[in-house]
Amino acid sequence: MKKLPLLFIACTLYINSNAQESTPSKPYYFSDCSELIFSFGNVESKPLEPSNIVRFSCFLHLAEQFHYNFNQSLGFYTGLSLRNVGLINDLNDTIKVKQRVYTLGLPLALKFGNMEKETYGTVGVEGELALNYKQKVFVNDEKTKSNIWFSNRTNLFLPSVFAEVVGQTT
């Protein structure tokens, strides 16, 4: 029986909560961010055929970013982020499995666009460290839970690539 690893696909909406404007005399600034995450996974489990349920999570996603603008058209950012990413699967009529992992991430992104008006796109990479894994299994509406720090049930290091579009409304 061939097992495929779980695939996490997170559609992420960034909400800049506290971005400070940069100026030519001060091309750097800090930004606090939060996210709304929709995630699901592709799971194969013979002879079962699990049905995937989209998981929405708005808590606990925090990030602190350090931005530096080289000029009005080009910049970069890095920082630290904490995310809650997971998936939900119905294995059959009586079994449902919910899994999530908290990660600590370190992004590195290149920004291009109009830095003065804070309207730009980014492309970047991020490495995340899986801190805490939690699983809930529901069998005939009876729940069992496990909560493991630095679990071997998920990869310890989770690399990713991303793209963003940021626009200020004024």
N, C-alpha and C. Protein backbone atom coordinates (compact mmCIF):
# COMPACT_ATOMS: atom_id res chain seq x y z
N MET A 1 0.86 -1.16 0.00
CA MET A 1 0.00 0.00 0.00
C MET A 1 0.91 1.23 0.00
N LYS A 2 0.66 2.08 -0.97
CA LYS A 2 1.47 3.28 -1.10
C LYS A 2 0.88 4.41 -0.27
N LYS A 3 1.68 5.03 0.58
CA LYS A 3 1.21 6.15 1.41
C LYS A 3 1.78 7.45 0.85
N LEU A 4 0.94 8.43 0.70
CA LEU A 4 1.40 9.75 0.28
C LEU A 4 1.44 10.67 1.49
N PRO A 5 2.44 11.55 1.53
CA PRO A 5 2.49 12.50 2.65
C PRO A 5 1.33 13.49 2.55
N LEU A 6 0.95 14.05 3.68
CA LEU A 6 -0.12 15.05 3.70
C LEU A 6 0.36 16.31 3.00
N LEU A 7 -0.49 16.87 2.18
CA LEU A 7 -0.17 18.12 1.50
C LEU A 7 -1.00 19.23 2.12
N PHE A 8 -0.33 20.26 2.56
CA PHE A 8 -1.02 21.43 3.11
C PHE A 8 -1.08 22.52 2.05
N ILE A 9 -2.28 22.97 1.75
CA ILE A 9 -2.44 24.09 0.84
C ILE A 9 -3.17 25.16 1.62
N ALA A 10 -2.52 26.28 1.87
CA ALA A 10 -3.11 27.34 2.68
C ALA A 10 -3.36 28.56 1.80
N CYS A 11 -4.61 28.93 1.68
CA CYS A 11 -4.94 30.19 1.01
C CYS A 11 -4.92 31.25 2.09
N THR A 12 -4.05 32.22 1.93
CA THR A 12 -3.79 33.14 3.01
C THR A 12 -4.16 34.55 2.63
N LEU A 13 -4.88 35.20 3.52
CA LEU A 13 -5.21 36.61 3.36
C LEU A 13 -4.48 37.37 4.44
N TYR A 14 -3.59 38.25 4.03
CA TYR A 14 -2.83 39.04 5.01
C TYR A 14 -3.63 40.28 5.38
N ILE A 15 -3.65 40.59 6.65
CA ILE A 15 -4.28 41.79 7.14
C ILE A 15 -3.20 42.60 7.85
N ASN A 16 -2.77 43.67 7.24
CA ASN A 16 -1.77 44.52 7.89
C ASN A 16 -2.49 45.36 8.92
N SER A 17 -2.14 45.17 10.17
CA SER A 17 -2.85 45.85 11.24
C SER A 17 -2.15 47.12 11.71
N ASN A 18 -0.88 47.27 11.39
CA ASN A 18 -0.15 48.36 12.02
C ASN A 18 1.04 48.78 11.18
N ALA A 19 0.88 48.84 9.86
CA ALA A 19 2.01 49.19 8.99
C ALA A 19 2.29 50.68 9.09
N GLN A 20 3.55 51.01 9.34
CA GLN A 20 3.95 52.41 9.40
C GLN A 20 4.49 52.81 8.04
N GLU A 21 4.21 54.04 7.63
CA GLU A 21 4.70 54.50 6.35
C GLU A 21 6.20 54.76 6.43
N SER A 22 6.90 54.39 5.35
CA SER A 22 8.32 54.68 5.30
C SER A 22 8.50 56.01 4.59
N THR A 23 9.62 56.64 4.84
CA THR A 23 9.93 57.92 4.21
C THR A 23 11.33 57.81 3.62
N PRO A 24 11.69 58.68 2.67
CA PRO A 24 13.03 58.60 2.10
C PRO A 24 14.13 58.70 3.17
N SER A 25 13.91 59.46 4.24
CA SER A 25 14.94 59.55 5.28
C SER A 25 14.91 58.35 6.22
N LYS A 26 13.84 57.57 6.19
CA LYS A 26 13.71 56.40 7.05
C LYS A 26 13.09 55.25 6.23
N PRO A 27 13.92 54.52 5.49
CA PRO A 27 13.38 53.52 4.57
C PRO A 27 13.00 52.19 5.22
N TYR A 28 13.07 52.10 6.54
CA TYR A 28 12.73 50.84 7.21
C TYR A 28 11.55 51.07 8.16
N TYR A 29 10.80 50.00 8.42
CA TYR A 29 9.68 50.06 9.35
C TYR A 29 9.30 48.65 9.77
N PHE A 30 8.52 48.55 10.83
CA PHE A 30 8.00 47.28 11.32
C PHE A 30 6.51 47.20 11.01
N SER A 31 6.02 45.99 10.85
CA SER A 31 4.61 45.79 10.55
C SER A 31 4.10 44.57 11.32
N ASP A 32 2.97 44.73 12.02
CA ASP A 32 2.30 43.61 12.68
C ASP A 32 1.28 43.06 11.69
N CYS A 33 1.16 41.74 11.61
CA CYS A 33 0.25 41.13 10.64
C CYS A 33 -0.53 39.99 11.30
N SER A 34 -1.64 39.68 10.68
CA SER A 34 -2.45 38.52 11.04
C SER A 34 -2.93 37.87 9.75
N GLU A 35 -3.49 36.68 9.83
CA GLU A 35 -3.93 35.97 8.63
C GLU A 35 -5.24 35.25 8.89
N LEU A 36 -5.95 35.01 7.81
CA LEU A 36 -7.08 34.08 7.79
C LEU A 36 -6.62 32.93 6.90
N ILE A 37 -6.73 31.69 7.37
CA ILE A 37 -6.20 30.56 6.62
C ILE A 37 -7.31 29.55 6.32
N PHE A 38 -7.42 29.20 5.05
CA PHE A 38 -8.26 28.10 4.59
C PHE A 38 -7.31 26.99 4.18
N SER A 39 -7.43 25.80 4.77
CA SER A 39 -6.48 24.74 4.45
C SER A 39 -7.20 23.42 4.27
N PHE A 40 -6.58 22.55 3.48
CA PHE A 40 -7.07 21.20 3.28
C PHE A 40 -5.90 20.34 2.82
N GLY A 41 -6.10 19.05 2.82
CA GLY A 41 -5.02 18.15 2.42
C GLY A 41 -5.52 17.04 1.55
N ASN A 42 -4.63 16.45 0.78
CA ASN A 42 -4.94 15.32 -0.07
C ASN A 42 -4.46 14.06 0.64
N VAL A 43 -5.39 13.24 1.11
CA VAL A 43 -5.04 12.08 1.91
C VAL A 43 -5.53 10.82 1.21
N GLU A 44 -4.65 9.81 1.11
CA GLU A 44 -5.03 8.50 0.59
C GLU A 44 -4.91 7.50 1.73
N SER A 45 -5.93 6.69 1.90
CA SER A 45 -5.93 5.69 2.95
C SER A 45 -6.75 4.50 2.46
N LYS A 46 -6.09 3.49 1.89
CA LYS A 46 -6.79 2.32 1.37
C LYS A 46 -7.20 1.43 2.53
N PRO A 47 -8.33 0.84 2.59
CA PRO A 47 -9.42 0.83 1.61
C PRO A 47 -10.38 2.01 1.78
N LEU A 48 -10.14 2.87 2.79
CA LEU A 48 -11.02 4.02 2.99
C LEU A 48 -10.77 5.07 1.93
N GLU A 49 -11.77 5.86 1.65
CA GLU A 49 -11.63 7.00 0.76
C GLU A 49 -12.06 8.24 1.53
N PRO A 50 -11.12 8.87 2.24
CA PRO A 50 -11.49 10.01 3.08
C PRO A 50 -12.02 11.18 2.26
N SER A 51 -13.02 11.84 2.83
CA SER A 51 -13.48 13.08 2.19
C SER A 51 -12.86 14.23 2.96
N ASN A 52 -12.34 15.18 2.21
CA ASN A 52 -11.62 16.30 2.76
C ASN A 52 -12.58 17.44 3.05
N ILE A 53 -12.43 18.07 4.20
CA ILE A 53 -13.25 19.21 4.60
C ILE A 53 -12.33 20.42 4.70
N VAL A 54 -12.70 21.54 4.07
CA VAL A 54 -11.89 22.75 4.16
C VAL A 54 -11.93 23.25 5.60
N ARG A 55 -10.76 23.56 6.13
CA ARG A 55 -10.63 24.04 7.51
C ARG A 55 -10.33 25.53 7.48
N PHE A 56 -11.15 26.32 8.18
CA PHE A 56 -10.95 27.76 8.31
C PHE A 56 -10.38 28.05 9.69
N SER A 57 -9.32 28.87 9.72
CA SER A 57 -8.70 29.21 10.99
C SER A 57 -8.32 30.69 10.99
N CYS A 58 -8.78 31.40 12.01
CA CYS A 58 -8.40 32.81 12.15
C CYS A 58 -7.64 33.05 13.45
N PHE A 59 -7.39 32.00 14.23
CA PHE A 59 -6.71 32.14 15.51
C PHE A 59 -5.69 31.02 15.60
N LEU A 60 -4.66 31.20 15.92
CA LEU A 60 -3.72 32.17 16.36
C LEU A 60 -2.71 32.33 15.23
N HIS A 61 -2.78 33.42 14.50
CA HIS A 61 -1.86 33.71 13.41
C HIS A 61 -1.30 35.10 13.66
N LEU A 62 -0.05 35.17 14.04
CA LEU A 62 0.58 36.45 14.34
C LEU A 62 1.91 36.54 13.60
N ALA A 63 2.26 37.77 13.21
CA ALA A 63 3.56 37.96 12.57
C ALA A 63 4.06 39.37 12.87
N GLU A 64 5.35 39.47 13.00
CA GLU A 64 6.03 40.76 13.12
C GLU A 64 7.05 40.78 11.99
N GLN A 65 6.96 41.82 11.15
CA GLN A 65 7.82 41.90 9.98
C GLN A 65 8.68 43.15 10.04
N PHE A 66 9.93 43.02 9.57
CA PHE A 66 10.84 44.14 9.40
C PHE A 66 10.99 44.39 7.91
N HIS A 67 10.58 45.59 7.47
CA HIS A 67 10.63 45.97 6.06
C HIS A 67 11.78 46.95 5.84
N TYR A 68 12.47 46.79 4.71
CA TYR A 68 13.49 47.74 4.31
C TYR A 68 13.30 48.02 2.82
N ASN A 69 13.16 49.30 2.47
CA ASN A 69 12.98 49.71 1.08
C ASN A 69 14.29 50.26 0.55
N PHE A 70 14.83 49.63 -0.50
CA PHE A 70 16.07 50.09 -1.12
C PHE A 70 15.83 51.42 -1.84
N ASN A 71 14.68 51.53 -2.51
CA ASN A 71 14.28 52.76 -3.19
C ASN A 71 12.75 52.75 -3.28
N GLN A 72 12.18 53.61 -4.11
CA GLN A 72 10.71 53.71 -4.19
C GLN A 72 10.09 52.49 -4.87
N SER A 73 10.89 51.69 -5.58
CA SER A 73 10.34 50.57 -6.35
C SER A 73 10.73 49.19 -5.84
N LEU A 74 11.69 49.10 -4.93
CA LEU A 74 12.22 47.80 -4.54
C LEU A 74 12.51 47.76 -3.05
N GLY A 75 12.18 46.65 -2.42
CA GLY A 75 12.45 46.47 -1.00
C GLY A 75 12.43 44.99 -0.63
N PHE A 76 12.55 44.71 0.65
CA PHE A 76 12.44 43.33 1.13
C PHE A 76 11.88 43.35 2.54
N TYR A 77 11.45 42.18 3.02
CA TYR A 77 11.10 42.05 4.43
C TYR A 77 11.44 40.67 4.94
N THR A 78 11.60 40.61 6.24
CA THR A 78 11.80 39.36 6.97
C THR A 78 11.05 39.51 8.29
N GLY A 79 11.06 38.51 9.12
CA GLY A 79 10.36 38.61 10.39
C GLY A 79 10.17 37.25 11.04
N LEU A 80 9.18 37.18 11.93
CA LEU A 80 8.79 35.94 12.60
C LEU A 80 7.28 35.81 12.54
N SER A 81 6.80 34.58 12.38
CA SER A 81 5.35 34.36 12.34
C SER A 81 4.99 33.11 13.14
N LEU A 82 3.78 33.11 13.66
CA LEU A 82 3.23 31.97 14.38
C LEU A 82 1.92 31.62 13.68
N ARG A 83 1.77 30.37 13.23
CA ARG A 83 0.59 29.95 12.48
C ARG A 83 -0.02 28.68 13.04
N ASN A 84 -1.32 28.54 12.79
CA ASN A 84 -2.12 27.37 13.15
C ASN A 84 -2.67 26.81 11.84
N VAL A 85 -2.07 25.73 11.33
CA VAL A 85 -2.46 25.16 10.04
C VAL A 85 -2.89 23.71 10.26
N GLY A 86 -3.95 23.30 9.58
CA GLY A 86 -4.39 21.93 9.77
C GLY A 86 -5.35 21.45 8.71
N LEU A 87 -5.91 20.27 8.97
CA LEU A 87 -6.87 19.68 8.04
C LEU A 87 -7.86 18.81 8.78
N ILE A 88 -9.00 18.57 8.11
CA ILE A 88 -10.07 17.75 8.66
C ILE A 88 -10.45 16.72 7.60
N ASN A 89 -10.58 15.44 8.01
CA ASN A 89 -10.97 14.39 7.08
C ASN A 89 -12.06 13.51 7.70
N ASP A 90 -13.10 13.23 6.92
CA ASP A 90 -14.08 12.22 7.26
C ASP A 90 -13.61 10.93 6.63
N LEU A 91 -13.25 9.93 7.46
CA LEU A 91 -12.75 8.68 6.91
C LEU A 91 -13.89 7.77 6.46
N ASN A 92 -14.99 7.81 7.19
CA ASN A 92 -16.21 7.10 6.79
C ASN A 92 -17.36 7.72 7.58
N ASP A 93 -18.49 7.05 7.64
CA ASP A 93 -19.66 7.62 8.33
C ASP A 93 -19.47 7.76 9.83
N THR A 94 -18.52 7.03 10.41
CA THR A 94 -18.37 7.05 11.86
C THR A 94 -17.06 7.65 12.37
N ILE A 95 -16.09 7.89 11.48
CA ILE A 95 -14.77 8.36 11.91
C ILE A 95 -14.43 9.69 11.24
N LYS A 96 -14.09 10.70 12.08
CA LYS A 96 -13.62 12.00 11.61
C LYS A 96 -12.31 12.31 12.33
N VAL A 97 -11.32 12.81 11.58
CA VAL A 97 -10.00 13.13 12.14
C VAL A 97 -9.71 14.61 11.88
N LYS A 98 -9.36 15.33 12.98
CA LYS A 98 -8.95 16.74 12.87
C LYS A 98 -7.50 16.81 13.32
N GLN A 99 -6.65 17.44 12.48
CA GLN A 99 -5.24 17.58 12.80
C GLN A 99 -4.82 19.03 12.59
N ARG A 100 -3.92 19.53 13.45
CA ARG A 100 -3.36 20.86 13.26
C ARG A 100 -1.96 20.90 13.83
N VAL A 101 -1.19 21.87 13.33
CA VAL A 101 0.17 22.07 13.82
C VAL A 101 0.40 23.57 13.97
N TYR A 102 1.01 23.97 15.08
CA TYR A 102 1.47 25.35 15.26
C TYR A 102 2.89 25.41 14.73
N THR A 103 3.18 26.43 13.92
CA THR A 103 4.51 26.58 13.36
C THR A 103 5.08 27.95 13.68
N LEU A 104 6.40 28.02 13.77
CA LEU A 104 7.13 29.27 13.91
C LEU A 104 7.90 29.47 12.61
N GLY A 105 7.58 30.56 11.90
CA GLY A 105 8.14 30.76 10.57
C GLY A 105 9.08 31.95 10.47
N LEU A 106 9.99 31.86 9.52
CA LEU A 106 10.94 32.92 9.22
C LEU A 106 10.85 33.21 7.71
N PRO A 107 10.12 34.29 7.31
CA PRO A 107 9.99 34.61 5.89
C PRO A 107 11.14 35.49 5.40
N LEU A 108 11.38 35.43 4.11
CA LEU A 108 12.30 36.34 3.43
C LEU A 108 11.67 36.65 2.09
N ALA A 109 11.28 37.93 1.88
CA ALA A 109 10.51 38.29 0.69
C ALA A 109 11.11 39.50 -0.01
N LEU A 110 11.00 39.51 -1.33
CA LEU A 110 11.41 40.63 -2.16
C LEU A 110 10.15 41.39 -2.57
N LYS A 111 10.14 42.71 -2.35
CA LYS A 111 8.98 43.55 -2.67
C LYS A 111 9.27 44.38 -3.91
N PHE A 112 8.28 44.52 -4.79
CA PHE A 112 8.43 45.37 -5.96
C PHE A 112 7.11 46.08 -6.23
N GLY A 113 7.20 47.37 -6.54
CA GLY A 113 6.00 48.17 -6.78
C GLY A 113 6.24 49.59 -6.29
N ASN A 114 5.21 50.22 -5.75
CA ASN A 114 5.30 51.59 -5.25
C ASN A 114 5.39 51.55 -3.72
N MET A 115 6.60 51.65 -3.20
CA MET A 115 6.80 51.54 -1.76
C MET A 115 6.24 52.76 -1.02
N GLU A 116 6.27 53.93 -1.65
CA GLU A 116 5.78 55.13 -1.00
C GLU A 116 4.28 55.05 -0.74
N LYS A 117 3.52 54.49 -1.69
CA LYS A 117 2.07 54.36 -1.52
C LYS A 117 1.68 53.02 -0.90
N GLU A 118 2.69 52.20 -0.59
CA GLU A 118 2.48 50.86 -0.03
C GLU A 118 1.55 50.03 -0.89
N THR A 119 1.81 50.05 -2.19
CA THR A 119 1.11 49.22 -3.17
C THR A 119 2.18 48.42 -3.90
N TYR A 120 2.29 47.15 -3.58
CA TYR A 120 3.38 46.36 -4.13
C TYR A 120 3.02 44.87 -4.14
N GLY A 121 3.83 44.11 -4.86
CA GLY A 121 3.75 42.66 -4.85
C GLY A 121 4.99 42.10 -4.19
N THR A 122 4.90 40.89 -3.70
CA THR A 122 6.06 40.23 -3.10
C THR A 122 6.16 38.80 -3.59
N VAL A 123 7.36 38.30 -3.63
CA VAL A 123 7.63 36.87 -3.80
C VAL A 123 8.64 36.50 -2.72
N GLY A 124 8.48 35.32 -2.16
CA GLY A 124 9.39 34.98 -1.08
C GLY A 124 9.42 33.51 -0.75
N VAL A 125 10.25 33.20 0.22
CA VAL A 125 10.38 31.85 0.76
C VAL A 125 10.21 31.94 2.27
N GLU A 126 9.79 30.83 2.86
CA GLU A 126 9.65 30.79 4.31
C GLU A 126 9.97 29.39 4.81
N GLY A 127 10.73 29.34 5.88
CA GLY A 127 10.98 28.08 6.57
C GLY A 127 10.21 28.11 7.87
N GLU A 128 9.47 27.03 8.16
CA GLU A 128 8.69 26.98 9.39
C GLU A 128 9.10 25.77 10.22
N LEU A 129 9.15 25.96 11.51
CA LEU A 129 9.47 24.92 12.47
C LEU A 129 8.16 24.45 13.10
N ALA A 130 7.83 23.17 12.98
CA ALA A 130 6.61 22.62 13.55
C ALA A 130 6.80 22.47 15.07
N LEU A 131 6.05 23.26 15.82
CA LEU A 131 6.21 23.28 17.27
C LEU A 131 5.30 22.30 18.00
N ASN A 132 4.01 22.33 17.67
CA ASN A 132 3.04 21.55 18.43
C ASN A 132 2.03 20.92 17.49
N TYR A 133 1.85 19.61 17.60
CA TYR A 133 0.91 18.85 16.78
C TYR A 133 -0.26 18.42 17.66
N LYS A 134 -1.47 18.61 17.16
CA LYS A 134 -2.65 18.20 17.91
C LYS A 134 -3.56 17.40 16.98
N GLN A 135 -4.10 16.30 17.50
CA GLN A 135 -5.02 15.47 16.72
C GLN A 135 -6.23 15.13 17.57
N LYS A 136 -7.40 15.23 16.95
CA LYS A 136 -8.65 14.80 17.57
C LYS A 136 -9.29 13.77 16.65
N VAL A 137 -9.66 12.63 17.22
CA VAL A 137 -10.32 11.58 16.46
C VAL A 137 -11.70 11.37 17.06
N PHE A 138 -12.72 11.46 16.20
CA PHE A 138 -14.11 11.26 16.62
C PHE A 138 -14.58 9.94 16.03
N VAL A 139 -14.92 8.97 16.91
CA VAL A 139 -15.47 7.69 16.50
C VAL A 139 -16.84 7.57 17.14
N ASN A 140 -17.88 7.53 16.31
CA ASN A 140 -19.27 7.49 16.82
C ASN A 140 -19.49 8.58 17.87
N ASP A 141 -19.05 9.78 17.59
CA ASP A 141 -19.20 10.96 18.44
C ASP A 141 -18.45 10.88 19.76
N GLU A 142 -17.54 9.91 19.94
CA GLU A 142 -16.66 9.87 21.10
C GLU A 142 -15.30 10.41 20.67
N LYS A 143 -14.75 11.35 21.46
CA LYS A 143 -13.54 12.06 21.07
C LYS A 143 -12.34 11.58 21.87
N THR A 144 -11.21 11.37 21.14
CA THR A 144 -9.91 11.15 21.77
C THR A 144 -8.96 12.22 21.24
N LYS A 145 -8.08 12.72 22.11
CA LYS A 145 -7.18 13.81 21.74
C LYS A 145 -5.74 13.43 22.04
N SER A 146 -4.83 13.98 21.22
CA SER A 146 -3.40 13.91 21.53
C SER A 146 -2.79 15.26 21.20
N ASN A 147 -1.81 15.67 21.99
CA ASN A 147 -1.18 16.97 21.85
C ASN A 147 0.31 16.75 22.12
N ILE A 148 1.16 16.91 21.06
CA ILE A 148 2.57 16.52 21.17
C ILE A 148 3.46 17.67 20.71
N TRP A 149 4.43 18.04 21.54
CA TRP A 149 5.42 19.04 21.15
C TRP A 149 6.51 18.38 20.32
N PHE A 150 6.90 19.02 19.21
CA PHE A 150 7.94 18.53 18.30
C PHE A 150 7.68 17.07 17.91
N SER A 151 6.47 16.82 17.44
CA SER A 151 6.01 15.48 17.09
C SER A 151 6.70 14.93 15.84
N ASN A 152 6.85 13.62 15.79
CA ASN A 152 7.34 12.98 14.57
C ASN A 152 6.19 12.65 13.61
N ARG A 153 4.97 13.07 13.93
CA ARG A 153 3.82 12.86 13.04
C ARG A 153 3.76 13.88 11.91
N THR A 154 4.61 14.87 11.96
CA THR A 154 4.72 15.86 10.89
C THR A 154 6.20 16.17 10.70
N ASN A 155 6.56 16.70 9.56
CA ASN A 155 7.94 17.10 9.35
C ASN A 155 8.28 18.23 10.32
N LEU A 156 9.48 18.22 10.83
CA LEU A 156 9.91 19.26 11.76
C LEU A 156 10.13 20.59 11.03
N PHE A 157 10.67 20.54 9.81
CA PHE A 157 10.93 21.73 9.01
C PHE A 157 9.99 21.72 7.81
N LEU A 158 9.27 22.83 7.62
CA LEU A 158 8.29 22.94 6.54
C LEU A 158 8.65 24.13 5.66
N PRO A 159 9.29 23.89 4.52
CA PRO A 159 9.63 25.00 3.63
C PRO A 159 8.44 25.37 2.74
N SER A 160 8.38 26.64 2.31
CA SER A 160 7.31 27.06 1.41
C SER A 160 7.77 28.25 0.58
N VAL A 161 7.04 28.50 -0.49
CA VAL A 161 7.21 29.70 -1.30
C VAL A 161 5.87 30.42 -1.29
N PHE A 162 5.90 31.74 -1.48
CA PHE A 162 4.65 32.48 -1.45
C PHE A 162 4.73 33.71 -2.34
N ALA A 163 3.57 34.26 -2.64
CA ALA A 163 3.43 35.52 -3.37
C ALA A 163 2.30 36.29 -2.72
N GLU A 164 2.45 37.61 -2.67
CA GLU A 164 1.42 38.47 -2.05
C GLU A 164 1.20 39.68 -2.94
N VAL A 165 0.02 40.26 -2.78
CA VAL A 165 -0.28 41.56 -3.37
C VAL A 165 -0.77 42.42 -2.22
N VAL A 166 -0.12 43.57 -2.01
CA VAL A 166 -0.46 44.47 -0.91
C VAL A 166 -0.90 45.80 -1.51
N GLY A 167 -2.02 46.30 -1.02
CA GLY A 167 -2.49 47.59 -1.50
C GLY A 167 -3.12 48.39 -0.38
N GLN A 168 -2.76 49.64 -0.27
CA GLN A 168 -3.34 50.52 0.75
C GLN A 168 -4.61 51.15 0.20
N THR A 169 -5.63 51.22 1.03
CA THR A 169 -6.84 51.92 0.67
C THR A 169 -6.85 53.25 1.39
N THR A 170 -6.97 54.30 0.65
CA THR A 170 -6.97 55.63 1.25
C THR A 170 -8.06 56.49 0.65
